[in-house]
Amino acid sequence: MEIFYHYDGSFDGFLSCVFDSYAQKEIPAGFSSGEDGIFTLFDSRTVPTDPEHAARVLRKIASLSPEAAVLLRRGFLTCLPEKELRLFRVVAKLLREGPGFLRNRSDETLFPVIRAVQHLNGEVHLLKGFVRFSDLGGVLGGEIEPKNRVLPVLGGHFAARFHNERFFLYDRTHREALFHVPGQSVIRPLADFQMAPPDEAEARYRLLWKRFYDTIAIKERENPRLRMSNMPKRYWSTMTEFQGEAYFQPASANTVLPPPPHGLPPDFERR
């Protein structure tokens, strides 16, 4: 029987759907998550997230192919259209045929997921160089606007690089933020967020970076097409060197900063 699954949007929630599909002998026709329902002619039901069921599914996949388990995790973070259905088909083929088809990257079931994960990995690589942090009262803060849900992958890079710092990195696209204190990192949903304005010292540092970027440019060798190839324009909205004048204006003495969200690691607070 074909059925449309509604779940909470988490990885464990997706794996719980996979478990239910086999336990109930159902074939997923599609998946939806969040509060917005999707009109469908198929029967539909909500699948509650069950960590035990999710763990059983993941253990089974990893026992057949550790590579497939990694691919599944990374694939779930991508912006691949109908990613849950495509990932389910990979899992179903793995359980039905074994891991042999994973060696054929052009396999019609595997290829869309492989390509999506490559796009995710490429975006993570670019953002390692494109993220711009600001010092906000002793806490480093940055913003990104990626297509894929990169924080679970990108966070490890910055946690290792700034392991003794307190910092946060906000994902505008997926409305979530990575918060880090020495020894601990968490990702939390953050629907409404506005970056605090800089103090005078941070505003000067921003302006210095902007002037450095403008100064080293060689006007006679300007090549906009090459620049957009090496530094895609969709990343410019969060990069210091492409901001307008307001970005470099320091906060007034009367500016009130919003309190940090609840559920953060200990000691993560503004000083």
Protein backbone atom coordinates (compact mmCIF):
# COMPACT_ATOMS: atom_id res chain seq x y z
CA MET A 1 0.00 0.00 0.00
CA GLU A 2 1.32 3.43 -0.95
CA ILE A 3 1.14 6.10 1.75
CA PHE A 4 2.26 9.66 2.37
CA TYR A 5 4.29 10.15 5.58
CA HIS A 6 4.28 13.29 7.70
CA TYR A 7 7.14 13.52 10.21
CA ASP A 8 8.97 16.10 12.35
CA GLY A 9 11.74 16.86 9.83
CA SER A 10 14.56 15.31 11.86
CA PHE A 11 16.95 12.59 10.70
CA ASP A 12 15.66 10.25 13.40
CA GLY A 13 12.15 11.07 12.26
CA PHE A 14 13.00 10.06 8.69
CA LEU A 15 14.56 6.80 9.87
CA SER A 16 11.41 6.15 11.93
CA CYS A 17 9.44 6.45 8.69
CA VAL A 18 11.75 3.90 7.06
CA PHE A 19 11.17 1.53 9.99
CA ASP A 20 7.40 1.95 9.79
CA SER A 21 7.34 1.37 6.04
CA TYR A 22 8.82 -2.11 6.54
CA ALA A 23 6.95 -2.91 9.73
CA GLN A 24 3.60 -1.95 8.18
CA LYS A 25 4.47 -3.19 4.66
CA GLU A 26 3.85 0.27 3.21
CA ILE A 27 5.46 2.00 0.23
CA PRO A 28 6.12 5.71 0.80
CA ALA A 29 4.65 7.88 -1.94
CA GLY A 30 6.13 11.00 -0.39
CA PHE A 31 7.17 12.76 2.79
CA SER A 32 6.32 16.07 4.40
CA SER A 33 7.56 17.78 7.53
CA GLY A 34 6.82 20.85 9.58
CA GLU A 35 3.47 22.52 10.09
CA ASP A 36 2.51 22.91 6.42
CA GLY A 37 0.51 19.99 5.16
CA ILE A 38 0.68 18.85 1.54
CA PHE A 39 -2.40 17.96 -0.45
CA THR A 40 -2.22 14.40 -1.74
CA LEU A 41 -4.56 11.77 -3.13
CA PHE A 42 -2.66 9.07 -1.24
CA ASP A 43 -3.51 7.93 2.25
CA SER A 44 -1.38 9.78 4.76
CA ARG A 45 -0.43 9.54 8.40
CA THR A 46 1.95 11.09 10.90
CA VAL A 47 4.88 8.95 12.00
CA PRO A 48 6.17 9.80 15.50
CA THR A 49 9.92 9.91 15.96
CA ASP A 50 11.16 6.80 17.78
CA PRO A 51 14.91 6.95 18.58
CA GLU A 52 15.05 3.18 19.12
CA HIS A 53 13.50 2.44 15.72
CA ALA A 54 15.79 5.01 14.10
CA ALA A 55 18.88 3.46 15.71
CA ARG A 56 17.86 -0.02 14.50
CA VAL A 57 17.53 1.19 10.92
CA LEU A 58 20.87 3.01 11.01
CA ARG A 59 22.66 0.00 12.52
CA LYS A 60 21.28 -2.23 9.78
CA ILE A 61 22.42 0.16 7.06
CA ALA A 62 25.87 0.55 8.61
CA SER A 63 26.25 -3.23 8.90
CA LEU A 64 25.64 -3.57 5.17
CA SER A 65 27.72 -0.55 4.19
CA PRO A 66 29.36 2.08 6.42
CA GLU A 67 29.67 4.22 3.29
CA ALA A 68 25.90 4.11 2.80
CA ALA A 69 25.31 5.24 6.38
CA VAL A 70 27.54 8.28 5.84
CA LEU A 71 25.88 8.98 2.49
CA LEU A 72 22.46 8.82 4.14
CA ARG A 73 23.44 11.31 6.85
CA ARG A 74 24.99 13.73 4.38
CA GLY A 75 22.16 13.29 1.88
CA PHE A 76 19.63 14.28 4.50
CA LEU A 77 21.39 17.64 4.89
CA THR A 78 21.17 18.51 1.20
CA CYS A 79 18.68 20.66 -0.68
CA LEU A 80 17.88 17.78 -3.04
CA PRO A 81 14.21 17.96 -4.13
CA GLU A 82 12.18 15.09 -2.61
CA LYS A 83 15.32 14.06 -0.74
CA GLU A 84 13.48 11.75 1.67
CA LEU A 85 11.93 9.75 -1.15
CA ARG A 86 15.27 9.51 -2.98
CA LEU A 87 17.07 8.46 0.20
CA PHE A 88 14.38 5.89 0.95
CA ARG A 89 14.90 4.36 -2.49
CA VAL A 90 18.65 4.07 -1.83
CA VAL A 91 17.93 2.34 1.50
CA ALA A 92 15.36 0.02 -0.11
CA LYS A 93 17.80 -0.96 -2.86
CA LEU A 94 20.55 -1.55 -0.31
CA LEU A 95 18.31 -3.86 1.72
CA ARG A 96 17.05 -5.62 -1.39
CA GLU A 97 20.26 -6.04 -3.41
CA GLY A 98 23.11 -5.48 -0.97
CA PRO A 99 25.89 -2.86 -1.25
CA GLY A 100 27.19 -3.85 -4.69
CA PHE A 101 25.30 -1.09 -6.55
CA LEU A 102 27.12 1.56 -4.46
CA ARG A 103 30.20 0.99 -6.63
CA ASN A 104 28.28 2.25 -9.66
CA ARG A 105 28.08 6.03 -9.15
CA SER A 106 25.93 6.36 -12.29
CA ASP A 107 23.21 4.09 -10.85
CA GLU A 108 19.89 5.86 -11.43
CA THR A 109 18.87 5.49 -7.78
CA LEU A 110 22.25 6.48 -6.37
CA PHE A 111 23.38 9.22 -8.75
CA PRO A 112 21.00 12.05 -7.63
CA VAL A 113 22.02 11.53 -4.00
CA ILE A 114 25.75 11.38 -4.84
CA ARG A 115 25.47 14.61 -6.84
CA ALA A 116 23.55 16.35 -4.05
CA VAL A 117 26.13 15.32 -1.44
CA GLN A 118 28.92 16.58 -3.70
CA HIS A 119 27.11 19.93 -3.86
CA LEU A 120 26.83 19.97 -0.06
CA ASN A 121 30.53 19.15 0.36
CA GLY A 122 31.46 21.85 -2.15
CA GLU A 123 29.39 24.45 -0.32
CA VAL A 124 30.97 23.48 3.01
CA HIS A 125 34.43 23.87 1.44
CA LEU A 126 33.61 27.35 0.10
CA LEU A 127 32.10 28.55 3.36
CA LYS A 128 35.25 27.64 5.28
CA GLY A 129 36.79 30.62 3.49
CA PHE A 130 33.75 32.86 3.04
CA VAL A 131 32.45 33.06 6.64
CA ARG A 132 33.07 36.44 8.26
CA PHE A 133 33.00 36.67 12.07
CA SER A 134 32.52 39.82 14.14
CA ASP A 135 33.52 40.40 17.75
CA LEU A 136 30.31 41.16 19.64
CA GLY A 137 31.24 41.88 23.24
CA GLY A 138 33.61 38.95 23.57
CA VAL A 139 31.54 36.53 21.45
CA LEU A 140 32.39 35.89 17.79
CA GLY A 141 29.31 35.97 15.59
CA GLY A 142 28.74 35.24 11.91
CA GLU A 143 25.95 34.65 9.41
CA ILE A 144 25.64 32.44 6.34
CA GLU A 145 22.95 31.90 3.71
CA PRO A 146 23.60 28.44 2.25
CA LYS A 147 21.42 26.27 0.03
CA ASN A 148 22.17 23.12 2.03
CA ARG A 149 21.93 22.58 5.79
CA VAL A 150 25.67 22.90 6.30
CA LEU A 151 26.00 23.68 10.03
CA PRO A 152 26.25 20.02 11.19
CA VAL A 153 29.23 19.57 8.84
CA LEU A 154 30.75 23.06 8.88
CA GLY A 155 30.52 23.42 12.66
CA GLY A 156 33.30 20.92 13.33
CA HIS A 157 35.75 22.97 11.27
CA PHE A 158 35.19 26.17 13.22
CA ALA A 159 34.94 24.37 16.57
CA ALA A 160 38.44 22.99 15.93
CA ARG A 161 39.76 26.29 14.61
CA PHE A 162 38.32 28.40 17.45
CA HIS A 163 38.23 25.73 20.15
CA ASN A 164 39.04 28.20 22.95
CA GLU A 165 36.54 30.83 21.78
CA ARG A 166 32.85 31.42 22.29
CA PHE A 167 31.13 31.88 18.94
CA PHE A 168 27.90 31.43 17.06
CA LEU A 169 27.13 30.98 13.37
CA TYR A 170 23.60 31.71 12.15
CA ASP A 171 22.09 30.03 9.07
CA ARG A 172 19.59 32.46 7.57
CA THR A 173 18.18 29.91 5.12
CA HIS A 174 17.28 27.19 7.61
CA ARG A 175 16.82 29.53 10.61
CA GLU A 176 19.13 27.74 12.96
CA ALA A 177 22.39 28.60 14.70
CA LEU A 178 25.49 26.81 15.89
CA PHE A 179 26.61 27.91 19.38
CA HIS A 180 30.05 26.96 20.66
CA VAL A 181 31.85 27.28 23.98
CA PRO A 182 35.16 25.53 24.73
CA GLY A 183 34.43 21.81 24.76
CA GLN A 184 30.82 21.93 23.60
CA SER A 185 28.78 22.85 20.51
CA VAL A 186 25.02 22.75 19.91
CA ILE A 187 22.72 23.63 17.02
CA ARG A 188 19.43 25.30 17.93
CA PRO A 189 16.49 26.56 15.84
CA LEU A 190 16.36 30.35 15.81
CA ALA A 191 13.40 31.69 13.84
CA ASP A 192 13.91 35.38 14.52
CA PHE A 193 17.44 36.74 14.59
CA GLN A 194 19.07 40.08 13.96
CA MET A 195 22.81 40.52 14.29
CA ALA A 196 23.79 43.07 16.94
CA PRO A 197 25.45 46.23 15.57
CA PRO A 198 29.22 46.53 16.08
CA ASP A 199 30.89 48.61 18.76
CA GLU A 200 33.42 51.23 17.69
CA ALA A 201 36.39 48.83 17.70
CA GLU A 202 34.60 46.19 15.62
CA ALA A 203 33.31 48.83 13.21
CA ARG A 204 36.90 49.98 12.63
CA TYR A 205 38.07 46.42 12.01
CA ARG A 206 35.28 45.92 9.48
CA LEU A 207 36.25 49.10 7.69
CA LEU A 208 39.92 48.11 7.68
CA TRP A 209 39.05 44.77 6.04
CA LYS A 210 36.90 46.55 3.46
CA ARG A 211 39.68 49.01 2.65
CA PHE A 212 42.25 46.19 2.44
CA TYR A 213 40.02 44.30 -0.01
CA ASP A 214 39.50 47.42 -2.15
CA THR A 215 43.19 48.44 -2.01
CA ILE A 216 44.71 45.17 -3.21
CA ALA A 217 42.40 45.07 -6.23
CA ILE A 218 44.14 45.88 -9.53
CA LYS A 219 41.67 47.91 -11.56
CA GLU A 220 43.33 47.16 -14.91
CA ARG A 221 43.00 43.42 -14.28
CA GLU A 222 39.42 43.49 -13.01
CA ASN A 223 37.51 40.41 -14.21
CA PRO A 224 33.95 40.26 -12.76
CA ARG A 225 33.20 36.91 -14.36
CA LEU A 226 36.28 35.27 -12.86
CA ARG A 227 35.54 36.82 -9.46
CA MET A 228 32.01 35.44 -9.47
CA SER A 229 33.38 32.05 -10.48
CA ASN A 230 35.81 31.94 -7.55
CA MET A 231 33.49 33.79 -5.15
CA PRO A 232 29.85 33.09 -6.19
CA LYS A 233 27.60 36.12 -5.85
CA ARG A 234 25.04 34.32 -3.68
CA TYR A 235 27.56 34.38 -0.80
CA TRP A 236 28.17 38.12 -0.97
CA SER A 237 25.23 39.08 1.27
CA THR A 238 27.12 37.91 4.40
CA MET A 239 30.67 38.92 3.42
CA THR A 240 32.12 42.09 4.97
CA GLU A 241 33.78 43.32 1.78
CA PHE A 242 30.44 43.60 -0.08
CA GLN A 243 28.37 45.42 2.56
CA GLY A 244 26.99 48.95 2.44
CA GLU A 245 27.79 51.89 4.69
CA ALA A 246 25.31 50.94 7.45
CA TYR A 247 27.28 47.75 8.15
CA PHE A 248 30.28 49.81 9.24
CA GLN A 249 28.41 52.16 11.58
CA PRO A 250 29.02 51.54 15.32
CA ALA A 251 26.13 51.06 17.73
CA SER A 252 24.94 54.02 19.74
CA ALA A 253 25.39 54.01 23.51
CA ASN A 254 21.64 53.49 23.93
CA THR A 255 21.43 50.37 21.77
CA VAL A 256 19.77 47.47 23.61
CA LEU A 257 21.00 44.00 22.65
CA PRO A 258 18.46 41.14 22.71
CA PRO A 259 19.07 38.34 25.23
CA PRO A 260 20.60 35.10 23.92
CA PRO A 261 18.12 32.28 23.17
CA HIS A 262 17.40 29.59 25.75
CA GLY A 263 18.98 26.14 25.74
CA LEU A 264 22.56 27.19 25.00
CA PRO A 265 25.73 25.62 26.42
CA PRO A 266 26.77 26.80 29.88
CA ASP A 267 28.70 30.09 29.98
CA PHE A 268 27.37 31.24 26.60
CA GLU A 269 26.29 34.76 27.40
CA ARG A 270 27.28 38.28 26.51
CA ARG A 271 29.68 39.99 28.82
